[in-house]
Amino acid sequence: MDNLRVVFVTVPMDIADKMAKAIVENRLAACTSVISTVKSYYYWEGQLKSDHESLLILKTTMSKIDDLISFIKSEHPYDIPEIIAMPVAEGLPDYVNWVIEETGKTAETV
């Protein structure tokens, strides 16, 4: 399980599906779940802001993290996108193995 990661990324609602699909197509995550609407509050440039966004929940492996982060940064419209990766302590072994298998493939082998 040490290899498995869950990554959270908030994105503008209008690009959530496109980004989620591209991440999986590029084999950077085995699965991307989209929570269509979340409301975020944050300070930006000294002002309290509030936005409706979508939340992507990505299931991937540690070996894909650097490429995943690079991809998100290149495709994301925010100056500083939220990208938070957390290790998975426990999980259904068959699911964990599936994530490892799917992220081990390349986009060209599909």
PDB file of N, CA and C in Angstrom:
ATOM      1  N   MET A   1       0.814  -1.201   0.000  1.00  0.00           N
ATOM      2  CA  MET A   1       0.000   0.000   0.000  1.00  0.00           C
ATOM      3  C   MET A   1       0.856   1.263   0.000  1.00  0.00           C
ATOM      4  N   ASP A   2       2.127   1.137   0.362  1.00  0.00           N
ATOM      5  CA  ASP A   2       2.992   2.317   0.443  1.00  0.00           C
ATOM      6  C   ASP A   2       3.066   3.074  -0.874  1.00  0.00           C
ATOM      7  N   ASN A   3       2.782   2.403  -1.971  1.00  0.00           N
ATOM      8  CA  ASN A   3       2.910   2.992  -3.291  1.00  0.00           C
ATOM      9  C   ASN A   3       1.675   3.794  -3.704  1.00  0.00           C
ATOM     10  N   LEU A   4       0.522   3.518  -3.124  1.00  0.00           N
ATOM     11  CA  LEU A   4      -0.734   4.124  -3.555  1.00  0.00           C
ATOM     12  C   LEU A   4      -0.912   5.527  -2.980  1.00  0.00           C
ATOM     13  N   ARG A   5      -1.426   6.433  -3.816  1.00  0.00           N
ATOM     14  CA  ARG A   5      -1.694   7.810  -3.409  1.00  0.00           C
ATOM     15  C   ARG A   5      -3.086   8.229  -3.860  1.00  0.00           C
ATOM     16  N   VAL A   6      -3.733   9.048  -3.037  1.00  0.00           N
ATOM     17  CA  VAL A   6      -4.965   9.734  -3.418  1.00  0.00           C
ATOM     18  C   VAL A   6      -4.594  11.213  -3.512  1.00  0.00           C
ATOM     19  N   VAL A   7      -4.953  11.817  -4.632  1.00  0.00           N
ATOM     20  CA  VAL A   7      -4.580  13.205  -4.894  1.00  0.00           C
ATOM     21  C   VAL A   7      -5.859  14.029  -5.047  1.00  0.00           C
ATOM     22  N   PHE A   8      -5.896  15.172  -4.371  1.00  0.00           N
ATOM     23  CA  PHE A   8      -7.020  16.102  -4.457  1.00  0.00           C
ATOM     24  C   PHE A   8      -6.596  17.312  -5.279  1.00  0.00           C
ATOM     25  N   VAL A   9      -7.446  17.689  -6.226  1.00  0.00           N
ATOM     26  CA  VAL A   9      -7.181  18.850  -7.073  1.00  0.00           C
ATOM     27  C   VAL A   9      -8.500  19.590  -7.279  1.00  0.00           C
ATOM     28  N   THR A  10      -8.535  20.876  -6.953  1.00  0.00           N
ATOM     29  CA  THR A  10      -9.709  21.680  -7.287  1.00  0.00           C
ATOM     30  C   THR A  10      -9.462  22.359  -8.625  1.00  0.00           C
ATOM     31  N   VAL A  11     -10.535  22.419  -9.420  1.00  0.00           N
ATOM     32  CA  VAL A  11     -10.448  23.008 -10.761  1.00  0.00           C
ATOM     33  C   VAL A  11     -11.718  23.810 -11.035  1.00  0.00           C
ATOM     34  N   PRO A  12     -11.647  24.751 -11.971  1.00  0.00           N
ATOM     35  CA  PRO A  12     -12.877  25.419 -12.385  1.00  0.00           C
ATOM     36  C   PRO A  12     -13.870  24.381 -12.915  1.00  0.00           C
ATOM     37  N   MET A  13     -15.132  24.580 -12.616  1.00  0.00           N
ATOM     38  CA  MET A  13     -16.153  23.593 -12.964  1.00  0.00           C
ATOM     39  C   MET A  13     -16.197  23.297 -14.461  1.00  0.00           C
ATOM     40  N   ASP A  14     -15.923  24.294 -15.296  1.00  0.00           N
ATOM     41  CA  ASP A  14     -16.052  24.099 -16.736  1.00  0.00           C
ATOM     42  C   ASP A  14     -14.939  23.253 -17.353  1.00  0.00           C
ATOM     43  N   ILE A  15     -13.877  22.961 -16.626  1.00  0.00           N
ATOM     44  CA  ILE A  15     -12.809  22.124 -17.177  1.00  0.00           C
ATOM     45  C   ILE A  15     -12.643  20.803 -16.432  1.00  0.00           C
ATOM     46  N   ALA A  16     -13.466  20.535 -15.445  1.00  0.00           N
ATOM     47  CA  ALA A  16     -13.299  19.359 -14.594  1.00  0.00           C
ATOM     48  C   ALA A  16     -13.338  18.055 -15.386  1.00  0.00           C
ATOM     49  N   ASP A  17     -14.352  17.879 -16.207  1.00  0.00           N
ATOM     50  CA  ASP A  17     -14.463  16.624 -16.954  1.00  0.00           C
ATOM     51  C   ASP A  17     -13.321  16.451 -17.947  1.00  0.00           C
ATOM     52  N   LYS A  18     -12.974  17.520 -18.628  1.00  0.00           N
ATOM     53  CA  LYS A  18     -11.882  17.455 -19.609  1.00  0.00           C
ATOM     54  C   LYS A  18     -10.568  17.067 -18.920  1.00  0.00           C
ATOM     55  N   MET A  19     -10.266  17.693 -17.776  1.00  0.00           N
ATOM     56  CA  MET A  19      -9.024  17.388 -17.086  1.00  0.00           C
ATOM     57  C   MET A  19      -9.046  15.970 -16.512  1.00  0.00           C
ATOM     58  N   ALA A  20     -10.171  15.574 -15.932  1.00  0.00           N
ATOM     59  CA  ALA A  20     -10.289  14.236 -15.357  1.00  0.00           C
ATOM     60  C   ALA A  20     -10.027  13.170 -16.423  1.00  0.00           C
ATOM     61  N   LYS A  21     -10.640  13.341 -17.574  1.00  0.00           N
ATOM     62  CA  LYS A  21     -10.471  12.385 -18.672  1.00  0.00           C
ATOM     63  C   LYS A  21      -9.032  12.369 -19.181  1.00  0.00           C
ATOM     64  N   ALA A  22      -8.429  13.525 -19.343  1.00  0.00           N
ATOM     65  CA  ALA A  22      -7.057  13.607 -19.846  1.00  0.00           C
ATOM     66  C   ALA A  22      -6.069  12.936 -18.892  1.00  0.00           C
ATOM     67  N   ILE A  23      -6.283  13.091 -17.607  1.00  0.00           N
ATOM     68  CA  ILE A  23      -5.391  12.475 -16.610  1.00  0.00           C
ATOM     69  C   ILE A  23      -5.432  10.956 -16.736  1.00  0.00           C
ATOM     70  N   VAL A  24      -6.630  10.397 -16.889  1.00  0.00           N
ATOM     71  CA  VAL A  24      -6.756   8.945 -17.025  1.00  0.00           C
ATOM     72  C   VAL A  24      -6.236   8.485 -18.384  1.00  0.00           C
ATOM     73  N   GLU A  25      -6.558   9.214 -19.440  1.00  0.00           N
ATOM     74  CA  GLU A  25      -6.078   8.843 -20.778  1.00  0.00           C
ATOM     75  C   GLU A  25      -4.554   8.809 -20.852  1.00  0.00           C
ATOM     76  N   ASN A  26      -3.912   9.703 -20.114  1.00  0.00           N
ATOM     77  CA  ASN A  26      -2.450   9.752 -20.097  1.00  0.00           C
ATOM     78  C   ASN A  26      -1.843   8.799 -19.072  1.00  0.00           C
ATOM     79  N   ARG A  27      -2.691   7.987 -18.447  1.00  0.00           N
ATOM     80  CA  ARG A  27      -2.272   6.966 -17.478  1.00  0.00           C
ATOM     81  C   ARG A  27      -1.543   7.551 -16.280  1.00  0.00           C
ATOM     82  N   LEU A  28      -1.896   8.783 -15.919  1.00  0.00           N
ATOM     83  CA  LEU A  28      -1.311   9.414 -14.743  1.00  0.00           C
ATOM     84  C   LEU A  28      -2.064   9.037 -13.477  1.00  0.00           C
ATOM     85  N   ALA A  29      -3.273   8.531 -13.645  1.00  0.00           N
ATOM     86  CA  ALA A  29      -4.081   7.996 -12.552  1.00  0.00           C
ATOM     87  C   ALA A  29      -4.937   6.877 -13.127  1.00  0.00           C
ATOM     88  N   ALA A  30      -5.247   5.906 -12.302  1.00  0.00           N
ATOM     89  CA  ALA A  30      -6.100   4.804 -12.751  1.00  0.00           C
ATOM     90  C   ALA A  30      -7.560   5.242 -12.801  1.00  0.00           C
ATOM     91  N   CYS A  31      -7.919   6.164 -11.930  1.00  0.00           N
ATOM     92  CA  CYS A  31      -9.305   6.619 -11.826  1.00  0.00           C
ATOM     93  C   CYS A  31      -9.313   8.058 -11.322  1.00  0.00           C
ATOM     94  N   THR A  32     -10.210   8.837 -11.887  1.00  0.00           N
ATOM     95  CA  THR A  32     -10.438  10.194 -11.396  1.00  0.00           C
ATOM     96  C   THR A  32     -11.916  10.354 -11.112  1.00  0.00           C
ATOM     97  N   SER A  33     -12.251  10.632  -9.884  1.00  0.00           N
ATOM     98  CA  SER A  33     -13.634  10.909  -9.510  1.00  0.00           C
ATOM     99  C   SER A  33     -13.828  12.421  -9.485  1.00  0.00           C
ATOM    100  N   VAL A  34     -14.970  12.862  -9.980  1.00  0.00           N
ATOM    101  CA  VAL A  34     -15.272  14.291 -10.043  1.00  0.00           C
ATOM    102  C   VAL A  34     -16.440  14.594  -9.114  1.00  0.00           C
ATOM    103  N   ILE A  35     -16.194  15.432  -8.133  1.00  0.00           N
ATOM    104  CA  ILE A  35     -17.275  15.991  -7.324  1.00  0.00           C
ATOM    105  C   ILE A  35     -17.595  17.328  -7.978  1.00  0.00           C
ATOM    106  N   SER A  36     -18.757  17.384  -8.576  1.00  0.00           N
ATOM    107  CA  SER A  36     -19.079  18.490  -9.482  1.00  0.00           C
ATOM    108  C   SER A  36     -18.997  19.870  -8.857  1.00  0.00           C
ATOM    109  N   THR A  37     -19.512  20.024  -7.633  1.00  0.00           N
ATOM    110  CA  THR A  37     -19.528  21.356  -7.048  1.00  0.00           C
ATOM    111  C   THR A  37     -19.077  21.329  -5.595  1.00  0.00           C
ATOM    112  N   VAL A  38     -18.042  22.085  -5.326  1.00  0.00           N
ATOM    113  CA  VAL A  38     -17.622  22.382  -3.955  1.00  0.00           C
ATOM    114  C   VAL A  38     -17.475  23.901  -3.883  1.00  0.00           C
ATOM    115  N   LYS A  39     -17.665  24.442  -2.710  1.00  0.00           N
ATOM    116  CA  LYS A  39     -17.470  25.880  -2.535  1.00  0.00           C
ATOM    117  C   LYS A  39     -16.219  26.068  -1.699  1.00  0.00           C
ATOM    118  N   SER A  40     -15.275  26.826  -2.244  1.00  0.00           N
ATOM    119  CA  SER A  40     -13.998  27.056  -1.584  1.00  0.00           C
ATOM    120  C   SER A  40     -13.902  28.500  -1.104  1.00  0.00           C
ATOM    121  N   TYR A  41     -13.394  28.660   0.111  1.00  0.00           N
ATOM    122  CA  TYR A  41     -13.089  29.980   0.679  1.00  0.00           C
ATOM    123  C   TYR A  41     -11.593  30.029   0.907  1.00  0.00           C
ATOM    124  N   TYR A  42     -10.966  31.133   0.540  1.00  0.00           N
ATOM    125  CA  TYR A  42      -9.518  31.250   0.667  1.00  0.00           C
ATOM    126  C   TYR A  42      -9.113  32.715   0.551  1.00  0.00           C
ATOM    127  N   TYR A  43      -7.933  33.005   1.048  1.00  0.00           N
ATOM    128  CA  TYR A  43      -7.356  34.328   0.843  1.00  0.00           C
ATOM    129  C   TYR A  43      -6.461  34.282  -0.384  1.00  0.00           C
ATOM    130  N   TRP A  44      -6.601  35.277  -1.240  1.00  0.00           N
ATOM    131  CA  TRP A  44      -5.732  35.411  -2.404  1.00  0.00           C
ATOM    132  C   TRP A  44      -5.415  36.877  -2.570  1.00  0.00           C
ATOM    133  N   GLU A  45      -4.115  37.167  -2.562  1.00  0.00           N
ATOM    134  CA  GLU A  45      -3.626  38.535  -2.693  1.00  0.00           C
ATOM    135  C   GLU A  45      -4.286  39.468  -1.680  1.00  0.00           C
ATOM    136  N   GLY A  46      -4.399  38.959  -0.440  1.00  0.00           N
ATOM    137  CA  GLY A  46      -4.896  39.756   0.667  1.00  0.00           C
ATOM    138  C   GLY A  46      -6.401  39.906   0.767  1.00  0.00           C
ATOM    139  N   GLN A  47      -7.142  39.274  -0.135  1.00  0.00           N
ATOM    140  CA  GLN A  47      -8.598  39.390  -0.111  1.00  0.00           C
ATOM    141  C   GLN A  47      -9.241  38.023   0.091  1.00  0.00           C
ATOM    142  N   LEU A  48     -10.290  37.982   0.896  1.00  0.00           N
ATOM    143  CA  LEU A  48     -11.053  36.758   1.089  1.00  0.00           C
ATOM    144  C   LEU A  48     -11.866  36.492  -0.175  1.00  0.00           C
ATOM    145  N   LYS A  49     -11.694  35.314  -0.729  1.00  0.00           N
ATOM    146  CA  LYS A  49     -12.374  34.931  -1.968  1.00  0.00           C
ATOM    147  C   LYS A  49     -13.270  33.732  -1.709  1.00  0.00           C
ATOM    148  N   SER A  50     -14.212  33.535  -2.604  1.00  0.00           N
ATOM    149  CA  SER A  50     -15.098  32.378  -2.568  1.00  0.00           C
ATOM    150  C   SER A  50     -15.400  31.979  -4.007  1.00  0.00           C
ATOM    151  N   ASP A  51     -15.262  30.692  -4.315  1.00  0.00           N
ATOM    152  CA  ASP A  51     -15.531  30.200  -5.664  1.00  0.00           C
ATOM    153  C   ASP A  51     -16.227  28.853  -5.601  1.00  0.00           C
ATOM    154  N   HIS A  52     -17.088  28.622  -6.580  1.00  0.00           N
ATOM    155  CA  HIS A  52     -17.612  27.286  -6.810  1.00  0.00           C
ATOM    156  C   HIS A  52     -16.632  26.601  -7.759  1.00  0.00           C
ATOM    157  N   GLU A  53     -16.172  25.437  -7.368  1.00  0.00           N
ATOM    158  CA  GLU A  53     -15.201  24.679  -8.144  1.00  0.00           C
ATOM    159  C   GLU A  53     -15.659  23.229  -8.191  1.00  0.00           C
ATOM    160  N   SER A  54     -14.906  22.417  -8.920  1.00  0.00           N
ATOM    161  CA  SER A  54     -15.071  20.972  -8.875  1.00  0.00           C
ATOM    162  C   SER A  54     -13.846  20.397  -8.193  1.00  0.00           C
ATOM    163  N   LEU A  55     -14.039  19.246  -7.547  1.00  0.00           N
ATOM    164  CA  LEU A  55     -12.949  18.561  -6.870  1.00  0.00           C
ATOM    165  C   LEU A  55     -12.665  17.260  -7.589  1.00  0.00           C
ATOM    166  N   LEU A  56     -11.427  17.095  -8.011  1.00  0.00           N
ATOM    167  CA  LEU A  56     -10.983  15.840  -8.613  1.00  0.00           C
ATOM    168  C   LEU A  56     -10.305  15.018  -7.530  1.00  0.00           C
ATOM    169  N   ILE A  57     -10.677  13.757  -7.451  1.00  0.00           N
ATOM    170  CA  ILE A  57     -10.036  12.816  -6.533  1.00  0.00           C
ATOM    171  C   ILE A  57      -9.380  11.766  -7.400  1.00  0.00           C
ATOM    172  N   LEU A  58      -8.060  11.769  -7.402  1.00  0.00           N
ATOM    173  CA  LEU A  58      -7.272  10.910  -8.286  1.00  0.00           C
ATOM    174  C   LEU A  58      -6.685   9.748  -7.511  1.00  0.00           C
ATOM    175  N   LYS A  59      -6.739   8.558  -8.099  1.00  0.00           N
ATOM    176  CA  LYS A  59      -6.106   7.386  -7.501  1.00  0.00           C
ATOM    177  C   LYS A  59      -4.932   6.994  -8.375  1.00  0.00           C
ATOM    178  N   THR A  60      -3.739   7.048  -7.793  1.00  0.00           N
ATOM    179  CA  THR A  60      -2.528   6.844  -8.572  1.00  0.00           C
ATOM    180  C   THR A  60      -1.451   6.186  -7.711  1.00  0.00           C
ATOM    181  N   THR A  61      -0.250   6.122  -8.251  1.00  0.00           N
ATOM    182  CA  THR A  61       0.885   5.551  -7.521  1.00  0.00           C
ATOM    183  C   THR A  61       1.969   6.606  -7.325  1.00  0.00           C
ATOM    184  N   MET A  62       2.821   6.353  -6.364  1.00  0.00           N
ATOM    185  CA  MET A  62       3.906   7.287  -6.059  1.00  0.00           C
ATOM    186  C   MET A  62       4.781   7.527  -7.282  1.00  0.00           C
ATOM    187  N   SER A  63       4.975   6.513  -8.096  1.00  0.00           N
ATOM    188  CA  SER A  63       5.843   6.661  -9.271  1.00  0.00           C
ATOM    189  C   SER A  63       5.261   7.625 -10.310  1.00  0.00           C
ATOM    190  N   LYS A  64       3.973   7.917 -10.240  1.00  0.00           N
ATOM    191  CA  LYS A  64       3.335   8.829 -11.195  1.00  0.00           C
ATOM    192  C   LYS A  64       3.179  10.249 -10.675  1.00  0.00           C
ATOM    193  N   ILE A  65       3.484  10.477  -9.417  1.00  0.00           N
ATOM    194  CA  ILE A  65       3.203  11.779  -8.789  1.00  0.00           C
ATOM    195  C   ILE A  65       3.888  12.941  -9.511  1.00  0.00           C
ATOM    196  N   ASP A  66       5.165  12.838  -9.786  1.00  0.00           N
ATOM    197  CA  ASP A  66       5.867  13.968 -10.425  1.00  0.00           C
ATOM    198  C   ASP A  66       5.278  14.290 -11.799  1.00  0.00           C
ATOM    199  N   ASP A  67       5.012  13.254 -12.608  1.00  0.00           N
ATOM    200  CA  ASP A  67       4.416  13.491 -13.926  1.00  0.00           C
ATOM    201  C   ASP A  67       3.002  14.039 -13.802  1.00  0.00           C
ATOM    202  N   LEU A  68       2.257  13.548 -12.829  1.00  0.00           N
ATOM    203  CA  LEU A  68       0.891  14.022 -12.601  1.00  0.00           C
ATOM    204  C   LEU A  68       0.891  15.500 -12.222  1.00  0.00           C
ATOM    205  N   ILE A  69       1.747  15.874 -11.300  1.00  0.00           N
ATOM    206  CA  ILE A  69       1.837  17.273 -10.878  1.00  0.00           C
ATOM    207  C   ILE A  69       2.245  18.161 -12.051  1.00  0.00           C
ATOM    208  N   SER A  70       3.216  17.735 -12.832  1.00  0.00           N
ATOM    209  CA  SER A  70       3.638  18.516 -14.002  1.00  0.00           C
ATOM    210  C   SER A  70       2.494  18.696 -14.991  1.00  0.00           C
ATOM    211  N   PHE A  71       1.745  17.627 -15.229  1.00  0.00           N
ATOM    212  CA  PHE A  71       0.620  17.696 -16.154  1.00  0.00           C
ATOM    213  C   PHE A  71      -0.440  18.665 -15.642  1.00  0.00           C
ATOM    214  N   ILE A  72      -0.802  18.535 -14.385  1.00  0.00           N
ATOM    215  CA  ILE A  72      -1.827  19.418 -13.816  1.00  0.00           C
ATOM    216  C   ILE A  72      -1.380  20.871 -13.898  1.00  0.00           C
ATOM    217  N   LYS A  73      -0.133  21.145 -13.523  1.00  0.00           N
ATOM    218  CA  LYS A  73       0.367  22.522 -13.580  1.00  0.00           C
ATOM    219  C   LYS A  73       0.329  23.073 -15.001  1.00  0.00           C
ATOM    220  N   SER A  74       0.615  22.239 -15.999  1.00  0.00           N
ATOM    221  CA  SER A  74       0.641  22.717 -17.383  1.00  0.00           C
ATOM    222  C   SER A  74      -0.764  22.952 -17.941  1.00  0.00           C
ATOM    223  N   GLU A  75      -1.759  22.236 -17.431  1.00  0.00           N
ATOM    224  CA  GLU A  75      -3.121  22.325 -17.959  1.00  0.00           C
ATOM    225  C   GLU A  75      -4.059  23.180 -17.113  1.00  0.00           C
ATOM    226  N   HIS A  76      -3.659  23.485 -15.903  1.00  0.00           N
ATOM    227  CA  HIS A  76      -4.528  24.168 -14.940  1.00  0.00           C
ATOM    228  C   HIS A  76      -4.455  25.676 -15.135  1.00  0.00           C
ATOM    229  N   PRO A  77      -5.598  26.364 -15.080  1.00  0.00           N
ATOM    230  CA  PRO A  77      -5.567  27.807 -15.288  1.00  0.00           C
ATOM    231  C   PRO A  77      -5.122  28.628 -14.076  1.00  0.00           C
ATOM    232  N   TYR A  78      -5.067  28.044 -12.887  1.00  0.00           N
ATOM    233  CA  TYR A  78      -4.685  28.791 -11.689  1.00  0.00           C
ATOM    234  C   TYR A  78      -3.164  28.963 -11.627  1.00  0.00           C
ATOM    235  N   ASP A  79      -2.729  30.080 -11.046  1.00  0.00           N
ATOM    236  CA  ASP A  79      -1.299  30.298 -10.818  1.00  0.00           C
ATOM    237  C   ASP A  79      -0.735  29.247  -9.871  1.00  0.00           C
ATOM    238  N   ILE A  80      -1.486  28.941  -8.828  1.00  0.00           N
ATOM    239  CA  ILE A  80      -1.063  27.957  -7.829  1.00  0.00           C
ATOM    240  C   ILE A  80      -2.225  26.987  -7.605  1.00  0.00           C
ATOM    241  N   PRO A  81      -2.285  25.923  -8.405  1.00  0.00           N
ATOM    242  CA  PRO A  81      -3.393  24.981  -8.219  1.00  0.00           C
ATOM    243  C   PRO A  81      -3.228  24.151  -6.949  1.00  0.00           C
ATOM    244  N   GLU A  82      -4.359  23.794  -6.366  1.00  0.00           N
ATOM    245  CA  GLU A  82      -4.333  22.881  -5.226  1.00  0.00           C
ATOM    246  C   GLU A  82      -4.005  21.483  -5.747  1.00  0.00           C
ATOM    247  N   ILE A  83      -2.907  20.936  -5.273  1.00  0.00           N
ATOM    248  CA  ILE A  83      -2.517  19.558  -5.579  1.00  0.00           C
ATOM    249  C   ILE A  83      -2.007  18.979  -4.265  1.00  0.00           C
ATOM    250  N   ILE A  84      -2.807  18.099  -3.678  1.00  0.00           N
ATOM    251  CA  ILE A  84      -2.447  17.516  -2.387  1.00  0.00           C
ATOM    252  C   ILE A  84      -2.477  15.997  -2.529  1.00  0.00           C
ATOM    253  N   ALA A  85      -1.353  15.353  -2.274  1.00  0.00           N
ATOM    254  CA  ALA A  85      -1.265  13.894  -2.366  1.00  0.00           C
ATOM    255  C   ALA A  85      -1.156  13.296  -0.974  1.00  0.00           C
ATOM    256  N   MET A  86      -1.946  12.238  -0.763  1.00  0.00           N
ATOM    257  CA  MET A  86      -1.943  11.571   0.533  1.00  0.00           C
ATOM    258  C   MET A  86      -1.682  10.077   0.341  1.00  0.00           C
ATOM    259  N   PRO A  87      -0.853   9.495   1.191  1.00  0.00           N
ATOM    260  CA  PRO A  87      -0.630   8.049   1.099  1.00  0.00           C
ATOM    261  C   PRO A  87      -1.868   7.278   1.555  1.00  0.00           C
ATOM    262  N   VAL A  88      -2.041   6.117   1.001  1.00  0.00           N
ATOM    263  CA  VAL A  88      -3.148   5.237   1.376  1.00  0.00           C
ATOM    264  C   VAL A  88      -2.613   4.193   2.347  1.00  0.00           C
ATOM    265  N   ALA A  89      -3.192   4.146   3.533  1.00  0.00           N
ATOM    266  CA  ALA A  89      -2.737   3.216   4.566  1.00  0.00           C
ATOM    267  C   ALA A  89      -3.345   1.831   4.387  1.00  0.00           C
ATOM    268  N   GLU A  90      -4.589   1.770   3.970  1.00  0.00           N
ATOM    269  CA  GLU A  90      -5.299   0.499   3.802  1.00  0.00           C
ATOM    270  C   GLU A  90      -6.195   0.594   2.585  1.00  0.00           C
ATOM    271  N   GLY A  91      -6.508  -0.559   2.022  1.00  0.00           N
ATOM    272  CA  GLY A  91      -7.426  -0.599   0.893  1.00  0.00           C
ATOM    273  C   GLY A  91      -7.671  -2.024   0.468  1.00  0.00           C
ATOM    274  N   LEU A  92      -8.705  -2.228  -0.310  1.00  0.00           N
ATOM    275  CA  LEU A  92      -9.000  -3.545  -0.851  1.00  0.00           C
ATOM    276  C   LEU A  92      -7.843  -3.958  -1.752  1.00  0.00           C
ATOM    277  N   PRO A  93      -7.166  -5.065  -1.445  1.00  0.00           N
ATOM    278  CA  PRO A  93      -5.992  -5.462  -2.234  1.00  0.00           C
ATOM    279  C   PRO A  93      -6.255  -5.546  -3.738  1.00  0.00           C
ATOM    280  N   ASP A  94      -7.403  -6.053  -4.145  1.00  0.00           N
ATOM    281  CA  ASP A  94      -7.702  -6.131  -5.577  1.00  0.00           C
ATOM    282  C   ASP A  94      -7.772  -4.749  -6.215  1.00  0.00           C
ATOM    283  N   TYR A  95      -8.333  -3.775  -5.503  1.00  0.00           N
ATOM    284  CA  TYR A  95      -8.405  -2.412  -6.035  1.00  0.00           C
ATOM    285  C   TYR A  95      -7.010  -1.792  -6.109  1.00  0.00           C
ATOM    286  N   VAL A  96      -6.241  -1.969  -5.054  1.00  0.00           N
ATOM    287  CA  VAL A  96      -4.873  -1.438  -5.037  1.00  0.00           C
ATOM    288  C   VAL A  96      -4.075  -2.016  -6.200  1.00  0.00           C
ATOM    289  N   ASN A  97      -4.176  -3.301  -6.413  1.00  0.00           N
ATOM    290  CA  ASN A  97      -3.460  -3.939  -7.526  1.00  0.00           C
ATOM    291  C   ASN A  97      -3.930  -3.407  -8.870  1.00  0.00           C
ATOM    292  N   TRP A  98      -5.230  -3.144  -8.997  1.00  0.00           N
ATOM    293  CA  TRP A  98      -5.757  -2.587 -10.234  1.00  0.00           C
ATOM    294  C   TRP A  98      -5.166  -1.196 -10.495  1.00  0.00           C
ATOM    295  N   VAL A  99      -5.102  -0.347  -9.469  1.00  0.00           N
ATOM    296  CA  VAL A  99      -4.511   0.989  -9.632  1.00  0.00           C
ATOM    297  C   VAL A  99      -3.059   0.867 -10.086  1.00  0.00           C
ATOM    298  N   ILE A 100      -2.314  -0.013  -9.453  1.00  0.00           N
ATOM    299  CA  ILE A 100      -0.901  -0.206  -9.820  1.00  0.00           C
ATOM    300  C   ILE A 100      -0.784  -0.696 -11.260  1.00  0.00           C
ATOM    301  N   GLU A 101      -1.633  -1.644 -11.636  1.00  0.00           N
ATOM    302  CA  GLU A 101      -1.596  -2.178 -13.001  1.00  0.00           C
ATOM    303  C   GLU A 101      -1.941  -1.107 -14.032  1.00  0.00           C
ATOM    304  N   GLU A 102      -3.008  -0.355 -13.796  1.00  0.00           N
ATOM    305  CA  GLU A 102      -3.450   0.660 -14.757  1.00  0.00           C
ATOM    306  C   GLU A 102      -2.452   1.797 -14.898  1.00  0.00           C
ATOM    307  N   THR A 103      -1.851   2.232 -13.833  1.00  0.00           N
ATOM    308  CA  THR A 103      -0.886   3.337 -13.931  1.00  0.00           C
ATOM    309  C   THR A 103       0.455   2.854 -14.465  1.00  0.00           C
ATOM    310  N   GLY A 104       0.650   1.548 -14.519  1.00  0.00           N
ATOM    311  CA  GLY A 104       1.876   0.994 -15.097  1.00  0.00           C
ATOM    312  C   GLY A 104       1.854   0.949 -16.607  1.00  0.00           C
ATOM    313  N   LYS A 105       0.668   1.154 -17.182  1.00  0.00           N
ATOM    314  CA  LYS A 105       0.523   1.178 -18.632  1.00  0.00           C
ATOM    315  C   LYS A 105       0.841   2.575 -19.136  1.00  0.00           C
ATOM    316  N   THR A 106       1.099   2.672 -20.422  1.00  0.00           N
ATOM    317  CA  THR A 106       1.312   3.989 -21.042  1.00  0.00           C
ATOM    318  C   THR A 106       0.129   4.293 -21.950  1.00  0.00           C
ATOM    319  N   ALA A 107      -0.044   5.540 -22.261  1.00  0.00           N
ATOM    320  CA  ALA A 107      -1.148   5.944 -23.130  1.00  0.00           C
ATOM    321  C   ALA A 107      -1.057   5.256 -24.487  1.00  0.00           C
ATOM    322  N   GLU A 108       0.147   4.944 -24.934  1.00  0.00           N
ATOM    323  CA  GLU A 108       0.343   4.327 -26.234  1.00  0.00           C
ATOM    324  C   GLU A 108      -0.092   2.862 -26.253  1.00  0.00           C
ATOM    325  N   THR A 109      -0.137   2.196 -25.094  1.00  0.00           N
ATOM    326  CA  THR A 109      -0.486   0.777 -25.067  1.00  0.00           C
ATOM    327  C   THR A 109      -1.975   0.540 -24.970  1.00  0.00           C
ATOM    328  N   VAL A 110      -2.740   1.584 -24.938  1.00  0.00           N
ATOM    329  CA  VAL A 110      -4.195   1.435 -24.795  1.00  0.00           C
ATOM    330  C   VAL A 110      -4.819   1.197 -26.141  1.00  0.00           C
TER     331      VAL A 110
END
